[in-house]
Amino acid sequence: MKILVVDDEEGARELFNTILSDEGYEVALADSGEGALDLFKNQPFNLVITDIKMPVMDGLQLLQEIRKMGSKTDVIMVTAYGEVESYLKAMSLGAAEYINKPIRIKELKRIVHKVLTEQKARSGS
């Protein structure tokens, strides 16, 4: 399973990378929405985990761009700012989950497993 992690904070990217790699996932990292789109266009991912607040292209815009490409890849939104408006916008755009920072490792593992299990059930594999 390939997961793309998008966050403008290096420490957050490295934390996600460590946690997810230790769980056996193949992880790619991007420090911006634009960088994530470049990676996304060139290789398939089972899941995208993106911060919402980033300069230039935020996580909501990234989710919109992924959907414009016709991709149904699940996207988990992460934010340090638990705003109702961004939650509602993310869910209306088709986000699979919404996680507040600081990230709790057990919660992250549980949510990633749940999203990927549901994805596998939908695809029938």
C-alpha atoms as a PDB file:
ATOM      1  CA  MET A   1       0.000   0.000   0.000  1.00  0.00           C
ATOM      2  CA  LYS A   2       1.373   3.378  -1.049  1.00  0.00           C
ATOM      3  CA  ILE A   3       0.627   6.482   0.992  1.00  0.00           C
ATOM      4  CA  LEU A   4       1.433  10.065   0.013  1.00  0.00           C
ATOM      5  CA  VAL A   5       2.000  12.381   2.994  1.00  0.00           C
ATOM      6  CA  VAL A   6       1.764  16.124   2.345  1.00  0.00           C
ATOM      7  CA  ASP A   7       2.791  18.668   4.983  1.00  0.00           C
ATOM      8  CA  ASP A   8       4.837  21.851   4.817  1.00  0.00           C
ATOM      9  CA  GLU A   9       6.376  21.074   8.224  1.00  0.00           C
ATOM     10  CA  GLU A  10       9.353  18.718   7.952  1.00  0.00           C
ATOM     11  CA  GLY A  11       8.875  17.370  11.475  1.00  0.00           C
ATOM     12  CA  ALA A  12       5.290  16.372  10.732  1.00  0.00           C
ATOM     13  CA  ARG A  13       6.291  14.656   7.467  1.00  0.00           C
ATOM     14  CA  GLU A  14       9.027  12.706   9.234  1.00  0.00           C
ATOM     15  CA  LEU A  15       6.662  11.656  12.041  1.00  0.00           C
ATOM     16  CA  PHE A  16       4.107  10.356   9.537  1.00  0.00           C
ATOM     17  CA  ASN A  17       6.877   8.637   7.576  1.00  0.00           C
ATOM     18  CA  THR A  18       8.205   6.846  10.659  1.00  0.00           C
ATOM     19  CA  ILE A  19       4.787   5.742  11.928  1.00  0.00           C
ATOM     20  CA  LEU A  20       3.503   4.566   8.542  1.00  0.00           C
ATOM     21  CA  SER A  21       6.756   2.918   7.417  1.00  0.00           C
ATOM     22  CA  ASP A  22       6.878   1.004  10.707  1.00  0.00           C
ATOM     23  CA  GLU A  23       3.374  -0.275   9.855  1.00  0.00           C
ATOM     24  CA  GLY A  24       4.702  -1.631   6.541  1.00  0.00           C
ATOM     25  CA  TYR A  25       3.344   1.036   4.195  1.00  0.00           C
ATOM     26  CA  GLU A  26       5.349   2.494   1.317  1.00  0.00           C
ATOM     27  CA  VAL A  27       5.463   6.228   2.009  1.00  0.00           C
ATOM     28  CA  ALA A  28       6.176   9.162  -0.307  1.00  0.00           C
ATOM     29  CA  LEU A  29       6.574  12.680   1.077  1.00  0.00           C
ATOM     30  CA  ALA A  30       5.727  16.091  -0.368  1.00  0.00           C
ATOM     31  CA  ASP A  31       6.257  19.480   1.263  1.00  0.00           C
ATOM     32  CA  SER A  32       3.553  21.278  -0.735  1.00  0.00           C
ATOM     33  CA  GLY A  33       0.295  20.753  -2.572  1.00  0.00           C
ATOM     34  CA  GLU A  34       2.059  21.397  -5.865  1.00  0.00           C
ATOM     35  CA  GLY A  35       4.751  18.823  -5.108  1.00  0.00           C
ATOM     36  CA  ALA A  36       2.077  16.340  -4.104  1.00  0.00           C
ATOM     37  CA  LEU A  37       0.209  16.814  -7.391  1.00  0.00           C
ATOM     38  CA  ASP A  38       3.417  16.197  -9.356  1.00  0.00           C
ATOM     39  CA  LEU A  39       3.950  12.916  -7.509  1.00  0.00           C
ATOM     40  CA  PHE A  40       0.274  11.990  -7.757  1.00  0.00           C
ATOM     41  CA  LYS A  41       0.224  12.477 -11.536  1.00  0.00           C
ATOM     42  CA  ASN A  42       3.207  10.152 -11.993  1.00  0.00           C
ATOM     43  CA  GLN A  43       2.356   7.243  -9.711  1.00  0.00           C
ATOM     44  CA  PRO A  44      -0.674   5.687  -8.066  1.00  0.00           C
ATOM     45  CA  PHE A  45      -1.303   6.030  -4.343  1.00  0.00           C
ATOM     46  CA  ASN A  46      -3.781   4.128  -2.204  1.00  0.00           C
ATOM     47  CA  LEU A  47      -4.110   7.021   0.227  1.00  0.00           C
ATOM     48  CA  VAL A  48      -3.183  10.687   0.587  1.00  0.00           C
ATOM     49  CA  ILE A  49      -2.726  12.267   4.026  1.00  0.00           C
ATOM     50  CA  THR A  50      -2.517  16.045   3.777  1.00  0.00           C
ATOM     51  CA  ASP A  51      -2.283  18.997   6.100  1.00  0.00           C
ATOM     52  CA  ILE A  52      -4.973  21.580   5.413  1.00  0.00           C
ATOM     53  CA  LYS A  53      -3.010  24.766   6.148  1.00  0.00           C
ATOM     54  CA  MET A  54      -0.127  25.104   3.694  1.00  0.00           C
ATOM     55  CA  PRO A  55       1.148  28.059   1.668  1.00  0.00           C
ATOM     56  CA  VAL A  56       0.135  28.501  -1.990  1.00  0.00           C
ATOM     57  CA  MET A  57      -2.017  25.348  -2.386  1.00  0.00           C
ATOM     58  CA  ASP A  58      -3.686  24.177   0.807  1.00  0.00           C
ATOM     59  CA  GLY A  59      -4.979  20.681   1.501  1.00  0.00           C
ATOM     60  CA  LEU A  60      -8.533  21.527   0.455  1.00  0.00           C
ATOM     61  CA  GLN A  61      -7.298  22.774  -2.921  1.00  0.00           C
ATOM     62  CA  LEU A  62      -5.163  19.645  -3.266  1.00  0.00           C
ATOM     63  CA  LEU A  63      -8.219  17.473  -2.599  1.00  0.00           C
ATOM     64  CA  GLN A  64     -10.169  19.436  -5.246  1.00  0.00           C
ATOM     65  CA  GLU A  65      -7.371  18.946  -7.790  1.00  0.00           C
ATOM     66  CA  ILE A  66      -7.202  15.210  -7.072  1.00  0.00           C
ATOM     67  CA  ARG A  67     -10.956  14.956  -7.644  1.00  0.00           C
ATOM     68  CA  LYS A  68     -10.722  17.037 -10.863  1.00  0.00           C
ATOM     69  CA  MET A  69      -8.271  14.426 -12.158  1.00  0.00           C
ATOM     70  CA  GLY A  70     -11.051  11.869 -11.737  1.00  0.00           C
ATOM     71  CA  SER A  71      -9.269  10.064  -8.916  1.00  0.00           C
ATOM     72  CA  LYS A  72     -11.245   8.411  -6.173  1.00  0.00           C
ATOM     73  CA  THR A  73      -8.135   7.972  -4.001  1.00  0.00           C
ATOM     74  CA  ASP A  74      -9.021   8.356  -0.338  1.00  0.00           C
ATOM     75  CA  VAL A  75      -7.738  11.530   1.304  1.00  0.00           C
ATOM     76  CA  ILE A  76      -7.316  12.089   5.030  1.00  0.00           C
ATOM     77  CA  MET A  77      -7.196  15.744   6.056  1.00  0.00           C
ATOM     78  CA  VAL A  78      -5.041  16.829   9.011  1.00  0.00           C
ATOM     79  CA  THR A  79      -5.182  20.175  10.783  1.00  0.00           C
ATOM     80  CA  ALA A  80      -3.962  21.965  13.876  1.00  0.00           C
ATOM     81  CA  TYR A  81      -6.952  24.272  13.525  1.00  0.00           C
ATOM     82  CA  GLY A  82     -10.118  22.306  14.230  1.00  0.00           C
ATOM     83  CA  GLU A  83     -12.455  24.644  12.375  1.00  0.00           C
ATOM     84  CA  VAL A  84     -15.991  23.520  11.620  1.00  0.00           C
ATOM     85  CA  GLU A  85     -15.932  25.279   8.234  1.00  0.00           C
ATOM     86  CA  SER A  86     -12.832  23.446   6.999  1.00  0.00           C
ATOM     87  CA  TYR A  87     -14.205  20.145   8.309  1.00  0.00           C
ATOM     88  CA  LEU A  88     -17.480  20.625   6.445  1.00  0.00           C
ATOM     89  CA  LYS A  89     -15.678  21.732   3.272  1.00  0.00           C
ATOM     90  CA  ALA A  90     -13.290  18.753   3.415  1.00  0.00           C
ATOM     91  CA  MET A  91     -16.124  16.277   3.887  1.00  0.00           C
ATOM     92  CA  SER A  92     -18.215  17.865   1.122  1.00  0.00           C
ATOM     93  CA  LEU A  93     -15.230  17.470  -1.232  1.00  0.00           C
ATOM     94  CA  GLY A  94     -15.046  13.780  -0.381  1.00  0.00           C
ATOM     95  CA  ALA A  95     -12.382  13.545   2.311  1.00  0.00           C
ATOM     96  CA  ALA A  96     -12.350  10.115   3.944  1.00  0.00           C
ATOM     97  CA  GLU A  97     -11.406  11.384   7.405  1.00  0.00           C
ATOM     98  CA  TYR A  98     -10.392  14.525   9.276  1.00  0.00           C
ATOM     99  CA  ILE A  99      -7.758  14.369  12.042  1.00  0.00           C
ATOM    100  CA  ASN A 100      -6.791  17.125  14.461  1.00  0.00           C
ATOM    101  CA  LYS A 101      -3.181  17.778  15.450  1.00  0.00           C
ATOM    102  CA  PRO A 102      -1.388  16.933  17.613  1.00  0.00           C
ATOM    103  CA  ILE A 103      -1.461  13.490  16.030  1.00  0.00           C
ATOM    104  CA  ARG A 104      -2.023  10.585  18.371  1.00  0.00           C
ATOM    105  CA  ILE A 105      -0.127   7.602  16.965  1.00  0.00           C
ATOM    106  CA  LYS A 106      -2.745   4.980  17.875  1.00  0.00           C
ATOM    107  CA  GLU A 107      -5.504   7.116  16.355  1.00  0.00           C
ATOM    108  CA  LEU A 108      -3.540   7.642  13.143  1.00  0.00           C
ATOM    109  CA  LYS A 109      -2.854   3.910  12.778  1.00  0.00           C
ATOM    110  CA  ARG A 110      -6.508   3.085  13.463  1.00  0.00           C
ATOM    111  CA  ILE A 111      -7.842   5.621  10.958  1.00  0.00           C
ATOM    112  CA  VAL A 112      -5.391   4.638   8.201  1.00  0.00           C
ATOM    113  CA  HIS A 113      -6.225   0.963   8.710  1.00  0.00           C
ATOM    114  CA  LYS A 114      -9.977   1.702   8.695  1.00  0.00           C
ATOM    115  CA  VAL A 115      -9.830   3.803   5.507  1.00  0.00           C
ATOM    116  CA  LEU A 116      -7.701   1.258   3.651  1.00  0.00           C
ATOM    117  CA  THR A 117      -9.892  -1.641   4.813  1.00  0.00           C
ATOM    118  CA  GLU A 118     -13.025   0.158   3.611  1.00  0.00           C
ATOM    119  CA  GLN A 119     -11.264   0.929   0.325  1.00  0.00           C
ATOM    120  CA  LYS A 120     -10.383  -2.741  -0.145  1.00  0.00           C
ATOM    121  CA  ALA A 121     -13.997  -3.746   0.589  1.00  0.00           C
ATOM    122  CA  ARG A 122     -15.311  -1.230  -1.977  1.00  0.00           C
ATOM    123  CA  SER A 123     -12.955  -2.507  -4.653  1.00  0.00           C
ATOM    124  CA  GLY A 124     -13.830  -6.111  -3.897  1.00  0.00           C
ATOM    125  CA  SER A 125     -10.226  -7.195  -3.415  1.00  0.00           C
END
